[in-house]
Amino acid sequence: MTEDSTAESPAQMRRTALYLTLAQVPEGQVVTYGQLAELAGLGRAARWVGRTLSQLPADTRLPWHRVLGAGGRISLPAGSPSGDEQRARLRTEGLSILNNRVDIKRHGWRPIEHSG
């Protein structure tokens, strides 16, 4: 049985849109789960984004660590392996973390929208 690779299910299309958008977030900048959902054309799907990112394989090259909760809050608990890794990666990229938050005004990714 062969699989038609051109026919993606709606769930696969949502994931693909999410991953393609996430891959564009530049080093040293961050987005919130909600922002990422909107930029990927998924509407108000912040929780779905969080769940989907939590299922990425350990060896993923996607910059999952650049995705934060509302207001720049780090959602992953300090002391957890993924939480510690996220904090370490953000610091390596030159972001400072204060009170479990990254300054979203300073480090937030704002892709410029081109019209026409």
PDB file of N, CA and C in Angstrom:
ATOM      1  N   MET A   1       0.838  -1.180   0.000  1.00  0.00           N
ATOM      2  CA  MET A   1       0.000   0.000   0.000  1.00  0.00           C
ATOM      3  C   MET A   1       0.888   1.251   0.000  1.00  0.00           C
ATOM      4  N   THR A   2       0.669   2.120  -0.951  1.00  0.00           N
ATOM      5  CA  THR A   2       1.488   3.321  -1.018  1.00  0.00           C
ATOM      6  C   THR A   2       0.730   4.501  -0.449  1.00  0.00           C
ATOM      7  N   GLU A   3       1.481   5.420   0.105  1.00  0.00           N
ATOM      8  CA  GLU A   3       0.870   6.600   0.700  1.00  0.00           C
ATOM      9  C   GLU A   3       1.092   7.788  -0.225  1.00  0.00           C
ATOM     10  N   ASP A   4       0.046   8.519  -0.516  1.00  0.00           N
ATOM     11  CA  ASP A   4       0.154   9.699  -1.370  1.00  0.00           C
ATOM     12  C   ASP A   4       0.708  10.846  -0.540  1.00  0.00           C
ATOM     13  N   SER A   5       1.975  11.193  -0.768  1.00  0.00           N
ATOM     14  CA  SER A   5       2.633  12.201   0.073  1.00  0.00           C
ATOM     15  C   SER A   5       2.094  13.611  -0.164  1.00  0.00           C
ATOM     16  N   THR A   6       1.335  13.806  -1.242  1.00  0.00           N
ATOM     17  CA  THR A   6       0.794  15.149  -1.479  1.00  0.00           C
ATOM     18  C   THR A   6      -0.458  15.404  -0.641  1.00  0.00           C
ATOM     19  N   ALA A   7      -1.107  14.349  -0.190  1.00  0.00           N
ATOM     20  CA  ALA A   7      -2.332  14.519   0.584  1.00  0.00           C
ATOM     21  C   ALA A   7      -2.030  14.482   2.073  1.00  0.00           C
ATOM     22  N   GLU A   8      -1.925  15.648   2.667  1.00  0.00           N
ATOM     23  CA  GLU A   8      -1.682  15.722   4.100  1.00  0.00           C
ATOM     24  C   GLU A   8      -3.012  15.841   4.830  1.00  0.00           C
ATOM     25  N   SER A   9      -3.110  15.205   5.968  1.00  0.00           N
ATOM     26  CA  SER A   9      -4.318  15.350   6.774  1.00  0.00           C
ATOM     27  C   SER A   9      -4.335  16.760   7.362  1.00  0.00           C
ATOM     28  N   PRO A  10      -5.508  17.251   7.767  1.00  0.00           N
ATOM     29  CA  PRO A  10      -5.563  18.582   8.395  1.00  0.00           C
ATOM     30  C   PRO A  10      -4.612  18.693   9.595  1.00  0.00           C
ATOM     31  N   ALA A  11      -4.497  17.630  10.379  1.00  0.00           N
ATOM     32  CA  ALA A  11      -3.594  17.666  11.542  1.00  0.00           C
ATOM     33  C   ALA A  11      -2.140  17.806  11.105  1.00  0.00           C
ATOM     34  N   GLN A  12      -1.766  17.078  10.045  1.00  0.00           N
ATOM     35  CA  GLN A  12      -0.396  17.186   9.527  1.00  0.00           C
ATOM     36  C   GLN A  12      -0.144  18.587   8.974  1.00  0.00           C
ATOM     37  N   MET A  13      -1.144  19.148   8.299  1.00  0.00           N
ATOM     38  CA  MET A  13      -0.993  20.487   7.735  1.00  0.00           C
ATOM     39  C   MET A  13      -0.803  21.514   8.849  1.00  0.00           C
ATOM     40  N   ARG A  14      -1.532  21.364   9.950  1.00  0.00           N
ATOM     41  CA  ARG A  14      -1.385  22.279  11.088  1.00  0.00           C
ATOM     42  C   ARG A  14       0.026  22.174  11.672  1.00  0.00           C
ATOM     43  N   ARG A  15       0.483  20.930  11.845  1.00  0.00           N
ATOM     44  CA  ARG A  15       1.831  20.723  12.393  1.00  0.00           C
ATOM     45  C   ARG A  15       2.888  21.300  11.460  1.00  0.00           C
ATOM     46  N   THR A  16       2.741  21.062  10.161  1.00  0.00           N
ATOM     47  CA  THR A  16       3.698  21.575   9.179  1.00  0.00           C
ATOM     48  C   THR A  16       3.755  23.098   9.239  1.00  0.00           C
ATOM     49  N   ALA A  17       2.592  23.746   9.283  1.00  0.00           N
ATOM     50  CA  ALA A  17       2.547  25.214   9.367  1.00  0.00           C
ATOM     51  C   ALA A  17       3.247  25.689  10.638  1.00  0.00           C
ATOM     52  N   LEU A  18       3.011  24.991  11.735  1.00  0.00           N
ATOM     53  CA  LEU A  18       3.640  25.341  13.012  1.00  0.00           C
ATOM     54  C   LEU A  18       5.159  25.208  12.912  1.00  0.00           C
ATOM     55  N   TYR A  19       5.644  24.072  12.399  1.00  0.00           N
ATOM     56  CA  TYR A  19       7.082  23.818  12.338  1.00  0.00           C
ATOM     57  C   TYR A  19       7.781  24.796  11.394  1.00  0.00           C
ATOM     58  N   LEU A  20       7.146  25.092  10.250  1.00  0.00           N
ATOM     59  CA  LEU A  20       7.759  26.031   9.303  1.00  0.00           C
ATOM     60  C   LEU A  20       7.873  27.423   9.919  1.00  0.00           C
ATOM     61  N   THR A  21       6.873  27.823  10.673  1.00  0.00           N
ATOM     62  CA  THR A  21       6.899  29.138  11.321  1.00  0.00           C
ATOM     63  C   THR A  21       7.928  29.156  12.440  1.00  0.00           C
ATOM     64  N   LEU A  22       7.943  28.122  13.264  1.00  0.00           N
ATOM     65  CA  LEU A  22       8.895  28.037  14.371  1.00  0.00           C
ATOM     66  C   LEU A  22      10.332  28.069  13.847  1.00  0.00           C
ATOM     67  N   ALA A  23      10.584  27.418  12.730  1.00  0.00           N
ATOM     68  CA  ALA A  23      11.939  27.350  12.170  1.00  0.00           C
ATOM     69  C   ALA A  23      12.470  28.739  11.795  1.00  0.00           C
ATOM     70  N   GLN A  24      11.578  29.708  11.619  1.00  0.00           N
ATOM     71  CA  GLN A  24      11.991  31.052  11.217  1.00  0.00           C
ATOM     72  C   GLN A  24      12.335  31.969  12.389  1.00  0.00           C
ATOM     73  N   VAL A  25      12.029  31.555  13.617  1.00  0.00           N
ATOM     74  CA  VAL A  25      12.301  32.423  14.766  1.00  0.00           C
ATOM     75  C   VAL A  25      13.817  32.531  14.925  1.00  0.00           C
ATOM     76  N   PRO A  26      14.358  33.760  14.803  1.00  0.00           N
ATOM     77  CA  PRO A  26      15.822  33.900  14.809  1.00  0.00           C
ATOM     78  C   PRO A  26      16.439  33.741  16.196  1.00  0.00           C
ATOM     79  N   GLU A  27      17.705  33.395  16.183  1.00  0.00           N
ATOM     80  CA  GLU A  27      18.471  33.273  17.420  1.00  0.00           C
ATOM     81  C   GLU A  27      18.397  34.582  18.195  1.00  0.00           C
ATOM     82  N   GLY A  28      18.233  34.462  19.517  1.00  0.00           N
ATOM     83  CA  GLY A  28      18.199  35.644  20.362  1.00  0.00           C
ATOM     84  C   GLY A  28      16.834  36.309  20.426  1.00  0.00           C
ATOM     85  N   GLN A  29      15.836  35.717  19.766  1.00  0.00           N
ATOM     86  CA  GLN A  29      14.486  36.263  19.826  1.00  0.00           C
ATOM     87  C   GLN A  29      13.507  35.177  20.240  1.00  0.00           C
ATOM     88  N   VAL A  30      12.365  35.594  20.779  1.00  0.00           N
ATOM     89  CA  VAL A  30      11.383  34.649  21.296  1.00  0.00           C
ATOM     90  C   VAL A  30       9.981  35.010  20.808  1.00  0.00           C
ATOM     91  N   VAL A  31       9.092  34.029  20.866  1.00  0.00           N
ATOM     92  CA  VAL A  31       7.667  34.244  20.583  1.00  0.00           C
ATOM     93  C   VAL A  31       6.870  33.553  21.682  1.00  0.00           C
ATOM     94  N   THR A  32       5.627  33.965  21.840  1.00  0.00           N
ATOM     95  CA  THR A  32       4.755  33.264  22.784  1.00  0.00           C
ATOM     96  C   THR A  32       4.030  32.147  22.027  1.00  0.00           C
ATOM     97  N   TYR A  33       3.469  31.219  22.784  1.00  0.00           N
ATOM     98  CA  TYR A  33       2.707  30.133  22.162  1.00  0.00           C
ATOM     99  C   TYR A  33       1.583  30.711  21.300  1.00  0.00           C
ATOM    100  N   GLY A  34       0.884  31.707  21.829  1.00  0.00           N
ATOM    101  CA  GLY A  34      -0.231  32.312  21.112  1.00  0.00           C
ATOM    102  C   GLY A  34       0.204  33.022  19.838  1.00  0.00           C
ATOM    103  N   GLN A  35       1.312  33.749  19.939  1.00  0.00           N
ATOM    104  CA  GLN A  35       1.862  34.452  18.777  1.00  0.00           C
ATOM    105  C   GLN A  35       2.242  33.457  17.691  1.00  0.00           C
ATOM    106  N   LEU A  36       2.893  32.385  18.090  1.00  0.00           N
ATOM    107  CA  LEU A  36       3.331  31.373  17.135  1.00  0.00           C
ATOM    108  C   LEU A  36       2.123  30.774  16.421  1.00  0.00           C
ATOM    109  N   ALA A  37       1.066  30.496  17.176  1.00  0.00           N
ATOM    110  CA  ALA A  37      -0.161  29.958  16.579  1.00  0.00           C
ATOM    111  C   ALA A  37      -0.716  30.936  15.544  1.00  0.00           C
ATOM    112  N   GLU A  38      -0.776  32.217  15.906  1.00  0.00           N
ATOM    113  CA  GLU A  38      -1.305  33.220  14.974  1.00  0.00           C
ATOM    114  C   GLU A  38      -0.436  33.350  13.736  1.00  0.00           C
ATOM    115  N   LEU A  39       0.886  33.435  13.924  1.00  0.00           N
ATOM    116  CA  LEU A  39       1.799  33.576  12.788  1.00  0.00           C
ATOM    117  C   LEU A  39       1.717  32.385  11.840  1.00  0.00           C
ATOM    118  N   ALA A  40       1.423  31.212  12.394  1.00  0.00           N
ATOM    119  CA  ALA A  40       1.322  30.002  11.575  1.00  0.00           C
ATOM    120  C   ALA A  40      -0.063  29.872  10.941  1.00  0.00           C
ATOM    121  N   GLY A  41      -0.934  30.840  11.209  1.00  0.00           N
ATOM    122  CA  GLY A  41      -2.266  30.805  10.623  1.00  0.00           C
ATOM    123  C   GLY A  41      -3.209  29.842  11.317  1.00  0.00           C
ATOM    124  N   LEU A  42      -2.926  29.573  12.595  1.00  0.00           N
ATOM    125  CA  LEU A  42      -3.728  28.590  13.335  1.00  0.00           C
ATOM    126  C   LEU A  42      -4.712  29.235  14.309  1.00  0.00           C
ATOM    127  N   GLY A  43      -4.809  30.557  14.269  1.00  0.00           N
ATOM    128  CA  GLY A  43      -5.756  31.238  15.146  1.00  0.00           C
ATOM    129  C   GLY A  43      -5.339  31.184  16.605  1.00  0.00           C
ATOM    130  N   ARG A  44      -6.327  31.046  17.470  1.00  0.00           N
ATOM    131  CA  ARG A  44      -6.067  31.044  18.910  1.00  0.00           C
ATOM    132  C   ARG A  44      -5.829  29.609  19.391  1.00  0.00           C
ATOM    133  N   ALA A  45      -4.650  29.108  19.122  1.00  0.00           N
ATOM    134  CA  ALA A  45      -4.348  27.702  19.416  1.00  0.00           C
ATOM    135  C   ALA A  45      -3.109  27.556  20.291  1.00  0.00           C
ATOM    136  N   ALA A  46      -2.945  28.474  21.249  1.00  0.00           N
ATOM    137  CA  ALA A  46      -1.741  28.467  22.088  1.00  0.00           C
ATOM    138  C   ALA A  46      -1.541  27.126  22.803  1.00  0.00           C
ATOM    139  N   ARG A  47      -2.605  26.586  23.360  1.00  0.00           N
ATOM    140  CA  ARG A  47      -2.457  25.318  24.098  1.00  0.00           C
ATOM    141  C   ARG A  47      -2.093  24.173  23.177  1.00  0.00           C
ATOM    142  N   TRP A  48      -2.693  24.168  21.981  1.00  0.00           N
ATOM    143  CA  TRP A  48      -2.361  23.132  21.012  1.00  0.00           C
ATOM    144  C   TRP A  48      -0.889  23.230  20.633  1.00  0.00           C
ATOM    145  N   VAL A  49      -0.397  24.462  20.443  1.00  0.00           N
ATOM    146  CA  VAL A  49       1.020  24.677  20.118  1.00  0.00           C
ATOM    147  C   VAL A  49       1.893  24.090  21.226  1.00  0.00           C
ATOM    148  N   GLY A  50       1.560  24.400  22.479  1.00  0.00           N
ATOM    149  CA  GLY A  50       2.330  23.872  23.608  1.00  0.00           C
ATOM    150  C   GLY A  50       2.348  22.354  23.640  1.00  0.00           C
ATOM    151  N   ARG A  51       1.174  21.757  23.451  1.00  0.00           N
ATOM    152  CA  ARG A  51       1.087  20.286  23.448  1.00  0.00           C
ATOM    153  C   ARG A  51       1.903  19.696  22.311  1.00  0.00           C
ATOM    154  N   THR A  52       1.787  20.296  21.128  1.00  0.00           N
ATOM    155  CA  THR A  52       2.487  19.781  19.956  1.00  0.00           C
ATOM    156  C   THR A  52       4.001  19.886  20.130  1.00  0.00           C
ATOM    157  N   LEU A  53       4.462  21.013  20.664  1.00  0.00           N
ATOM    158  CA  LEU A  53       5.910  21.175  20.874  1.00  0.00           C
ATOM    159  C   LEU A  53       6.426  20.205  21.929  1.00  0.00           C
ATOM    160  N   SER A  54       5.591  19.865  22.904  1.00  0.00           N
ATOM    161  CA  SER A  54       6.035  18.936  23.955  1.00  0.00           C
ATOM    162  C   SER A  54       6.245  17.531  23.401  1.00  0.00           C
ATOM    163  N   GLN A  55       5.731  17.274  22.206  1.00  0.00           N
ATOM    164  CA  GLN A  55       5.865  15.948  21.599  1.00  0.00           C
ATOM    165  C   GLN A  55       6.982  15.866  20.566  1.00  0.00           C
ATOM    166  N   LEU A  56       7.763  16.942  20.417  1.00  0.00           N
ATOM    167  CA  LEU A  56       8.875  16.911  19.465  1.00  0.00           C
ATOM    168  C   LEU A  56       9.903  15.870  19.901  1.00  0.00           C
ATOM    169  N   PRO A  57      10.562  15.227  18.937  1.00  0.00           N
ATOM    170  CA  PRO A  57      11.619  14.277  19.313  1.00  0.00           C
ATOM    171  C   PRO A  57      12.788  15.000  19.986  1.00  0.00           C
ATOM    172  N   ALA A  58      13.492  14.288  20.845  1.00  0.00           N
ATOM    173  CA  ALA A  58      14.587  14.889  21.616  1.00  0.00           C
ATOM    174  C   ALA A  58      15.661  15.499  20.720  1.00  0.00           C
ATOM    175  N   ASP A  59      15.866  14.926  19.530  1.00  0.00           N
ATOM    176  CA  ASP A  59      16.938  15.401  18.651  1.00  0.00           C
ATOM    177  C   ASP A  59      16.466  16.436  17.629  1.00  0.00           C
ATOM    178  N   THR A  60      15.299  17.032  17.854  1.00  0.00           N
ATOM    179  CA  THR A  60      14.777  18.006  16.888  1.00  0.00           C
ATOM    180  C   THR A  60      15.724  19.193  16.743  1.00  0.00           C
ATOM    181  N   ARG A  61      15.763  19.738  15.534  1.00  0.00           N
ATOM    182  CA  ARG A  61      16.581  20.926  15.291  1.00  0.00           C
ATOM    183  C   ARG A  61      15.734  22.202  15.361  1.00  0.00           C
ATOM    184  N   LEU A  62      14.438  22.045  15.588  1.00  0.00           N
ATOM    185  CA  LEU A  62      13.567  23.218  15.710  1.00  0.00           C
ATOM    186  C   LEU A  62      13.890  23.977  17.000  1.00  0.00           C
ATOM    187  N   PRO A  63      13.853  25.306  16.954  1.00  0.00           N
ATOM    188  CA  PRO A  63      14.203  26.104  18.146  1.00  0.00           C
ATOM    189  C   PRO A  63      13.034  26.220  19.128  1.00  0.00           C
ATOM    190  N   TRP A  64      12.580  25.080  19.650  1.00  0.00           N
ATOM    191  CA  TRP A  64      11.444  25.042  20.581  1.00  0.00           C
ATOM    192  C   TRP A  64      11.685  25.898  21.819  1.00  0.00           C
ATOM    193  N   HIS A  65      12.951  26.078  22.170  1.00  0.00           N
ATOM    194  CA  HIS A  65      13.287  26.820  23.394  1.00  0.00           C
ATOM    195  C   HIS A  65      12.964  28.308  23.264  1.00  0.00           C
ATOM    196  N   ARG A  66      12.691  28.778  22.052  1.00  0.00           N
ATOM    197  CA  ARG A  66      12.387  30.198  21.838  1.00  0.00           C
ATOM    198  C   ARG A  66      10.895  30.497  21.978  1.00  0.00           C
ATOM    199  N   VAL A  67      10.113  29.507  22.387  1.00  0.00           N
ATOM    200  CA  VAL A  67       8.675  29.695  22.551  1.00  0.00           C
ATOM    201  C   VAL A  67       8.356  29.777  24.039  1.00  0.00           C
ATOM    202  N   LEU A  68       7.684  30.870  24.421  1.00  0.00           N
ATOM    203  CA  LEU A  68       7.419  31.143  25.829  1.00  0.00           C
ATOM    204  C   LEU A  68       5.935  31.341  26.077  1.00  0.00           C
ATOM    205  N   GLY A  69       5.570  31.321  27.343  1.00  0.00           N
ATOM    206  CA  GLY A  69       4.194  31.614  27.720  1.00  0.00           C
ATOM    207  C   GLY A  69       3.917  33.103  27.592  1.00  0.00           C
ATOM    208  N   ALA A  70       2.674  33.467  27.829  1.00  0.00           N
ATOM    209  CA  ALA A  70       2.250  34.865  27.717  1.00  0.00           C
ATOM    210  C   ALA A  70       3.130  35.763  28.573  1.00  0.00           C
ATOM    211  N   GLY A  71       3.462  36.926  28.032  1.00  0.00           N
ATOM    212  CA  GLY A  71       4.270  37.883  28.783  1.00  0.00           C
ATOM    213  C   GLY A  71       5.727  37.490  28.916  1.00  0.00           C
ATOM    214  N   GLY A  72       6.163  36.482  28.148  1.00  0.00           N
ATOM    215  CA  GLY A  72       7.564  36.067  28.208  1.00  0.00           C
ATOM    216  C   GLY A  72       7.874  35.081  29.320  1.00  0.00           C
ATOM    217  N   ARG A  73       6.840  34.519  29.923  1.00  0.00           N
ATOM    218  CA  ARG A  73       7.023  33.585  31.040  1.00  0.00           C
ATOM    219  C   ARG A  73       7.521  32.236  30.526  1.00  0.00           C
ATOM    220  N   ILE A  74       8.491  31.674  31.222  1.00  0.00           N
ATOM    221  CA  ILE A  74       8.983  30.338  30.882  1.00  0.00           C
ATOM    222  C   ILE A  74       8.040  29.334  31.523  1.00  0.00           C
ATOM    223  N   SER A  75       7.390  28.535  30.686  1.00  0.00           N
ATOM    224  CA  SER A  75       6.359  27.611  31.170  1.00  0.00           C
ATOM    225  C   SER A  75       6.938  26.342  31.780  1.00  0.00           C
ATOM    226  N   LEU A  76       8.092  25.915  31.270  1.00  0.00           N
ATOM    227  CA  LEU A  76       8.669  24.667  31.758  1.00  0.00           C
ATOM    228  C   LEU A  76       9.288  24.890  33.136  1.00  0.00           C
ATOM    229  N   PRO A  77       9.026  23.979  34.069  1.00  0.00           N
ATOM    230  CA  PRO A  77       9.508  24.182  35.440  1.00  0.00           C
ATOM    231  C   PRO A  77      11.036  24.149  35.558  1.00  0.00           C
ATOM    232  N   ALA A  78      11.570  25.073  36.358  1.00  0.00           N
ATOM    233  CA  ALA A  78      13.009  25.057  36.664  1.00  0.00           C
ATOM    234  C   ALA A  78      13.298  23.752  37.395  1.00  0.00           C
ATOM    235  N   GLY A  79      14.428  23.152  37.081  1.00  0.00           N
ATOM    236  CA  GLY A  79      14.767  21.892  37.729  1.00  0.00           C
ATOM    237  C   GLY A  79      14.348  20.685  36.904  1.00  0.00           C
ATOM    238  N   SER A  80      13.450  20.880  35.912  1.00  0.00           N
ATOM    239  CA  SER A  80      13.095  19.776  35.017  1.00  0.00           C
ATOM    240  C   SER A  80      14.134  19.759  33.896  1.00  0.00           C
ATOM    241  N   PRO A  81      14.411  18.580  33.329  1.00  0.00           N
ATOM    242  CA  PRO A  81      15.434  18.527  32.269  1.00  0.00           C
ATOM    243  C   PRO A  81      15.134  19.495  31.117  1.00  0.00           C
ATOM    244  N   SER A  82      13.884  19.519  30.636  1.00  0.00           N
ATOM    245  CA  SER A  82      13.568  20.402  29.510  1.00  0.00           C
ATOM    246  C   SER A  82      13.575  21.864  29.940  1.00  0.00           C
ATOM    247  N   GLY A  83      13.125  22.144  31.159  1.00  0.00           N
ATOM    248  CA  GLY A  83      13.133  23.518  31.663  1.00  0.00           C
ATOM    249  C   GLY A  83      14.548  24.057  31.795  1.00  0.00           C
ATOM    250  N   ASP A  84      15.443  23.225  32.335  1.00  0.00           N
ATOM    251  CA  ASP A  84      16.840  23.635  32.478  1.00  0.00           C
ATOM    252  C   ASP A  84      17.499  23.823  31.117  1.00  0.00           C
ATOM    253  N   GLU A  85      17.171  22.941  30.181  1.00  0.00           N
ATOM    254  CA  GLU A  85      17.752  23.056  28.841  1.00  0.00           C
ATOM    255  C   GLU A  85      17.265  24.335  28.165  1.00  0.00           C
ATOM    256  N   GLN A  86      15.967  24.638  28.306  1.00  0.00           N
ATOM    257  CA  GLN A  86      15.427  25.850  27.697  1.00  0.00           C
ATOM    258  C   GLN A  86      16.133  27.087  28.254  1.00  0.00           C
ATOM    259  N   ARG A  87      16.279  27.162  29.560  1.00  0.00           N
ATOM    260  CA  ARG A  87      16.944  28.315  30.183  1.00  0.00           C
ATOM    261  C   ARG A  87      18.385  28.439  29.725  1.00  0.00           C
ATOM    262  N   ALA A  88      19.089  27.301  29.654  1.00  0.00           N
ATOM    263  CA  ALA A  88      20.489  27.311  29.222  1.00  0.00           C
ATOM    264  C   ALA A  88      20.606  27.777  27.773  1.00  0.00           C
ATOM    265  N   ARG A  89      19.729  27.282  26.909  1.00  0.00           N
ATOM    266  CA  ARG A  89      19.782  27.679  25.490  1.00  0.00           C
ATOM    267  C   ARG A  89      19.482  29.165  25.323  1.00  0.00           C
ATOM    268  N   LEU A  90      18.497  29.672  26.057  1.00  0.00           N
ATOM    269  CA  LEU A  90      18.159  31.095  25.955  1.00  0.00           C
ATOM    270  C   LEU A  90      19.331  31.954  26.424  1.00  0.00           C
ATOM    271  N   ARG A  91      19.959  31.561  27.526  1.00  0.00           N
ATOM    272  CA  ARG A  91      21.112  32.328  28.037  1.00  0.00           C
ATOM    273  C   ARG A  91      22.266  32.289  27.043  1.00  0.00           C
ATOM    274  N   THR A  92      22.480  31.138  26.407  1.00  0.00           N
ATOM    275  CA  THR A  92      23.532  31.005  25.404  1.00  0.00           C
ATOM    276  C   THR A  92      23.307  31.980  24.253  1.00  0.00           C
ATOM    277  N   GLU A  93      22.031  32.259  23.950  1.00  0.00           N
ATOM    278  CA  GLU A  93      21.695  33.182  22.866  1.00  0.00           C
ATOM    279  C   GLU A  93      21.687  34.632  23.334  1.00  0.00           C
ATOM    280  N   GLY A  94      22.101  34.859  24.577  1.00  0.00           N
ATOM    281  CA  GLY A  94      22.248  36.229  25.059  1.00  0.00           C
ATOM    282  C   GLY A  94      21.013  36.817  25.726  1.00  0.00           C
ATOM    283  N   LEU A  95      20.014  35.995  26.007  1.00  0.00           N
ATOM    284  CA  LEU A  95      18.814  36.494  26.676  1.00  0.00           C
ATOM    285  C   LEU A  95      18.962  36.346  28.179  1.00  0.00           C
ATOM    286  N   SER A  96      18.529  37.361  28.901  1.00  0.00           N
ATOM    287  CA  SER A  96      18.575  37.231  30.347  1.00  0.00           C
ATOM    288  C   SER A  96      17.193  36.849  30.849  1.00  0.00           C
ATOM    289  N   ILE A  97      17.189  36.054  31.899  1.00  0.00           N
ATOM    290  CA  ILE A  97      15.946  35.565  32.489  1.00  0.00           C
ATOM    291  C   ILE A  97      15.853  36.154  33.891  1.00  0.00           C
ATOM    292  N   LEU A  98      14.776  36.862  34.134  1.00  0.00           N
ATOM    293  CA  LEU A  98      14.566  37.504  35.430  1.00  0.00           C
ATOM    294  C   LEU A  98      13.183  37.126  35.928  1.00  0.00           C
ATOM    295  N   ASN A  99      13.100  36.597  37.139  1.00  0.00           N
ATOM    296  CA  ASN A  99      11.812  36.158  37.691  1.00  0.00           C
ATOM    297  C   ASN A  99      11.081  35.206  36.740  1.00  0.00           C
ATOM    298  N   ASN A 100      11.841  34.286  36.168  1.00  0.00           N
ATOM    299  CA  ASN A 100      11.287  33.270  35.283  1.00  0.00           C
ATOM    300  C   ASN A 100      10.686  33.845  33.992  1.00  0.00           C
ATOM    301  N   ARG A 101      11.117  35.050  33.618  1.00  0.00           N
ATOM    302  CA  ARG A 101      10.615  35.684  32.397  1.00  0.00           C
ATOM    303  C   ARG A 101      11.755  36.212  31.547  1.00  0.00           C
ATOM    304  N   VAL A 102      11.467  36.292  30.242  1.00  0.00           N
ATOM    305  CA  VAL A 102      12.354  36.945  29.293  1.00  0.00           C
ATOM    306  C   VAL A 102      11.660  38.244  28.907  1.00  0.00           C
ATOM    307  N   ASP A 103      12.420  39.314  28.747  1.00  0.00           N
ATOM    308  CA  ASP A 103      11.841  40.608  28.365  1.00  0.00           C
ATOM    309  C   ASP A 103      11.326  40.527  26.926  1.00  0.00           C
ATOM    310  N   ILE A 104      10.026  40.316  26.809  1.00  0.00           N
ATOM    311  CA  ILE A 104       9.425  40.095  25.498  1.00  0.00           C
ATOM    312  C   ILE A 104       9.437  41.370  24.651  1.00  0.00           C
ATOM    313  N   LYS A 105       9.405  42.517  25.294  1.00  0.00           N
ATOM    314  CA  LYS A 105       9.451  43.772  24.523  1.00  0.00           C
ATOM    315  C   LYS A 105      10.804  43.912  23.835  1.00  0.00           C
ATOM    316  N   ARG A 106      11.830  43.471  24.546  1.00  0.00           N
ATOM    317  CA  ARG A 106      13.180  43.603  24.021  1.00  0.00           C
ATOM    318  C   ARG A 106      13.553  42.464  23.068  1.00  0.00           C
ATOM    319  N   HIS A 107      13.102  41.264  23.379  1.00  0.00           N
ATOM    320  CA  HIS A 107      13.549  40.082  22.628  1.00  0.00           C
ATOM    321  C   HIS A 107      12.450  39.430  21.796  1.00  0.00           C
ATOM    322  N   GLY A 108      11.271  40.005  21.786  1.00  0.00           N
ATOM    323  CA  GLY A 108      10.174  39.396  21.039  1.00  0.00           C
ATOM    324  C   GLY A 108      10.397  39.481  19.539  1.00  0.00           C
ATOM    325  N   TRP A 109      10.101  38.399  18.855  1.00  0.00           N
ATOM    326  CA  TRP A 109      10.239  38.343  17.402  1.00  0.00           C
ATOM    327  C   TRP A 109       9.035  39.009  16.764  1.00  0.00           C
ATOM    328  N   ARG A 110       9.301  39.993  15.907  1.00  0.00           N
ATOM    329  CA  ARG A 110       8.220  40.663  15.185  1.00  0.00           C
ATOM    330  C   ARG A 110       8.521  40.594  13.689  1.00  0.00           C
ATOM    331  N   PRO A 111       8.098  39.521  13.053  1.00  0.00           N
ATOM    332  CA  PRO A 111       8.360  39.438  11.615  1.00  0.00           C
ATOM    333  C   PRO A 111       7.627  40.562  10.894  1.00  0.00           C
ATOM    334  N   ILE A 112       8.304  41.174   9.962  1.00  0.00           N
ATOM    335  CA  ILE A 112       7.703  42.273   9.217  1.00  0.00           C
ATOM    336  C   ILE A 112       6.793  41.679   8.144  1.00  0.00           C
ATOM    337  N   GLU A 113       5.560  42.121   8.144  1.00  0.00           N
ATOM    338  CA  GLU A 113       4.616  41.583   7.167  1.00  0.00           C
ATOM    339  C   GLU A 113       4.735  42.373   5.878  1.00  0.00           C
ATOM    340  N   HIS A 114       4.960  41.663   4.804  1.00  0.00           N
ATOM    341  CA  HIS A 114       5.062  42.284   3.488  1.00  0.00           C
ATOM    342  C   HIS A 114       3.706  42.204   2.810  1.00  0.00           C
ATOM    343  N   SER A 115       3.238  43.299   2.291  1.00  0.00           N
ATOM    344  CA  SER A 115       1.963  43.268   1.579  1.00  0.00           C
ATOM    345  C   SER A 115       2.221  43.401   0.086  1.00  0.00           C
ATOM    346  N   GLY A 116       1.530  42.561  -0.678  1.00  0.00           N
ATOM    347  CA  GLY A 116       1.623  42.621  -2.133  1.00  0.00           C
ATOM    348  C   GLY A 116       2.888  42.097  -2.623  1.00  0.00           C
TER     349      GLY A 116
END
